């Protein structure tokens, strides 16, 4: 599956955002703590989700439960 198909692909699972406090990056504009997000792809370090902007973004797994 290519990254261009992630928006329309079915979700692998759902995760809940536990915080949006980032030291280096601004994520509080696109993640809402307590909200469930659909996981479109996953690597060892990152989760790719459909965020608040309606686009797929990659975030560290530490933001999610």
C-alpha atoms as a PDB file:
ATOM      1  CA  UNK A   1       0.000   0.000   0.000  1.00  0.00           C
ATOM      2  CA  UNK A   2       1.427   3.380  -0.942  1.00  0.00           C
ATOM      3  CA  UNK A   3       1.080   6.479   1.191  1.00  0.00           C
ATOM      4  CA  UNK A   4      -1.297   8.014  -1.358  1.00  0.00           C
ATOM      5  CA  UNK A   5      -3.910   5.367  -0.517  1.00  0.00           C
ATOM      6  CA  UNK A   6      -3.771   5.830   3.269  1.00  0.00           C
ATOM      7  CA  UNK A   7      -6.572   8.412   3.395  1.00  0.00           C
ATOM      8  CA  UNK A   8      -9.145   6.067   1.885  1.00  0.00           C
ATOM      9  CA  UNK A   9      -7.753   2.817   3.297  1.00  0.00           C
ATOM     10  CA  UNK A  10      -9.584   1.105   6.163  1.00  0.00           C
ATOM     11  CA  UNK A  11      -8.175   1.726   9.626  1.00  0.00           C
ATOM     12  CA  UNK A  12      -5.857  -0.875  11.135  1.00  0.00           C
ATOM     13  CA  UNK A  13      -7.063   0.022  14.641  1.00  0.00           C
ATOM     14  CA  UNK A  14      -7.896   3.075  16.721  1.00  0.00           C
ATOM     15  CA  UNK A  15      -5.777   4.827  19.339  1.00  0.00           C
ATOM     16  CA  UNK A  16      -6.536   7.503  21.926  1.00  0.00           C
ATOM     17  CA  UNK A  17      -4.338  10.595  22.180  1.00  0.00           C
ATOM     18  CA  UNK A  18      -3.093  10.918  25.759  1.00  0.00           C
ATOM     19  CA  UNK A  19      -1.254  14.264  25.435  1.00  0.00           C
ATOM     20  CA  UNK A  20      -0.160  16.878  22.909  1.00  0.00           C
ATOM     21  CA  UNK A  21       2.766  18.330  24.855  1.00  0.00           C
ATOM     22  CA  UNK A  22       5.757  18.242  22.529  1.00  0.00           C
ATOM     23  CA  UNK A  23       9.176  19.674  23.295  1.00  0.00           C
ATOM     24  CA  UNK A  24      10.399  20.059  19.737  1.00  0.00           C
ATOM     25  CA  UNK A  25       7.366  20.046  17.419  1.00  0.00           C
ATOM     26  CA  UNK A  26       3.962  21.771  17.425  1.00  0.00           C
ATOM     27  CA  UNK A  27       1.344  19.042  17.632  1.00  0.00           C
ATOM     28  CA  UNK A  28      -1.311  20.707  19.799  1.00  0.00           C
ATOM     29  CA  UNK A  29      -2.881  22.211  16.639  1.00  0.00           C
ATOM     30  CA  UNK A  30      -3.528  18.794  15.069  1.00  0.00           C
ATOM     31  CA  UNK A  31      -3.995  16.419  18.028  1.00  0.00           C
ATOM     32  CA  UNK A  32      -6.670  16.608  20.725  1.00  0.00           C
ATOM     33  CA  UNK A  33      -6.006  14.760  24.004  1.00  0.00           C
ATOM     34  CA  UNK A  34      -8.744  12.222  24.719  1.00  0.00           C
ATOM     35  CA  UNK A  35      -9.857  11.912  21.091  1.00  0.00           C
ATOM     36  CA  UNK A  36      -9.756   8.611  19.180  1.00  0.00           C
ATOM     37  CA  UNK A  37      -7.847   8.479  15.893  1.00  0.00           C
ATOM     38  CA  UNK A  38      -7.780   5.863  13.141  1.00  0.00           C
ATOM     39  CA  UNK A  39      -4.366   4.273  12.555  1.00  0.00           C
ATOM     40  CA  UNK A  40      -3.598   4.082   8.845  1.00  0.00           C
ATOM     41  CA  UNK A  41      -0.038   2.729   9.090  1.00  0.00           C
ATOM     42  CA  UNK A  42       2.476   1.981  11.815  1.00  0.00           C
ATOM     43  CA  UNK A  43       6.238   1.629  12.147  1.00  0.00           C
ATOM     44  CA  UNK A  44       8.451   0.847  15.111  1.00  0.00           C
ATOM     45  CA  UNK A  45       8.635   4.502  16.212  1.00  0.00           C
ATOM     46  CA  UNK A  46       5.724   6.273  14.490  1.00  0.00           C
ATOM     47  CA  UNK A  47       1.966   5.976  14.086  1.00  0.00           C
ATOM     48  CA  UNK A  48       0.379   7.428  10.961  1.00  0.00           C
ATOM     49  CA  UNK A  49      -3.129   8.693  11.694  1.00  0.00           C
ATOM     50  CA  UNK A  50      -5.842  10.806  10.123  1.00  0.00           C
ATOM     51  CA  UNK A  51      -5.459  13.928  12.299  1.00  0.00           C
ATOM     52  CA  UNK A  52      -7.646  16.995  12.944  1.00  0.00           C
ATOM     53  CA  UNK A  53      -6.646  18.596   9.634  1.00  0.00           C
ATOM     54  CA  UNK A  54      -8.138  15.682   7.686  1.00  0.00           C
ATOM     55  CA  UNK A  55      -4.748  14.590   6.380  1.00  0.00           C
ATOM     56  CA  UNK A  56      -2.559  11.651   7.340  1.00  0.00           C
ATOM     57  CA  UNK A  57       0.332  12.612   9.600  1.00  0.00           C
ATOM     58  CA  UNK A  58       3.075  10.663  11.348  1.00  0.00           C
ATOM     59  CA  UNK A  59       3.476  11.082  15.106  1.00  0.00           C
ATOM     60  CA  UNK A  60       5.591   9.474  17.813  1.00  0.00           C
ATOM     61  CA  UNK A  61       3.877   6.606  19.603  1.00  0.00           C
ATOM     62  CA  UNK A  62       4.398   8.390  22.940  1.00  0.00           C
ATOM     63  CA  UNK A  63       1.391  10.648  22.205  1.00  0.00           C
ATOM     64  CA  UNK A  64      -1.028   7.701  22.151  1.00  0.00           C
ATOM     65  CA  UNK A  65      -2.301   4.913  24.406  1.00  0.00           C
END
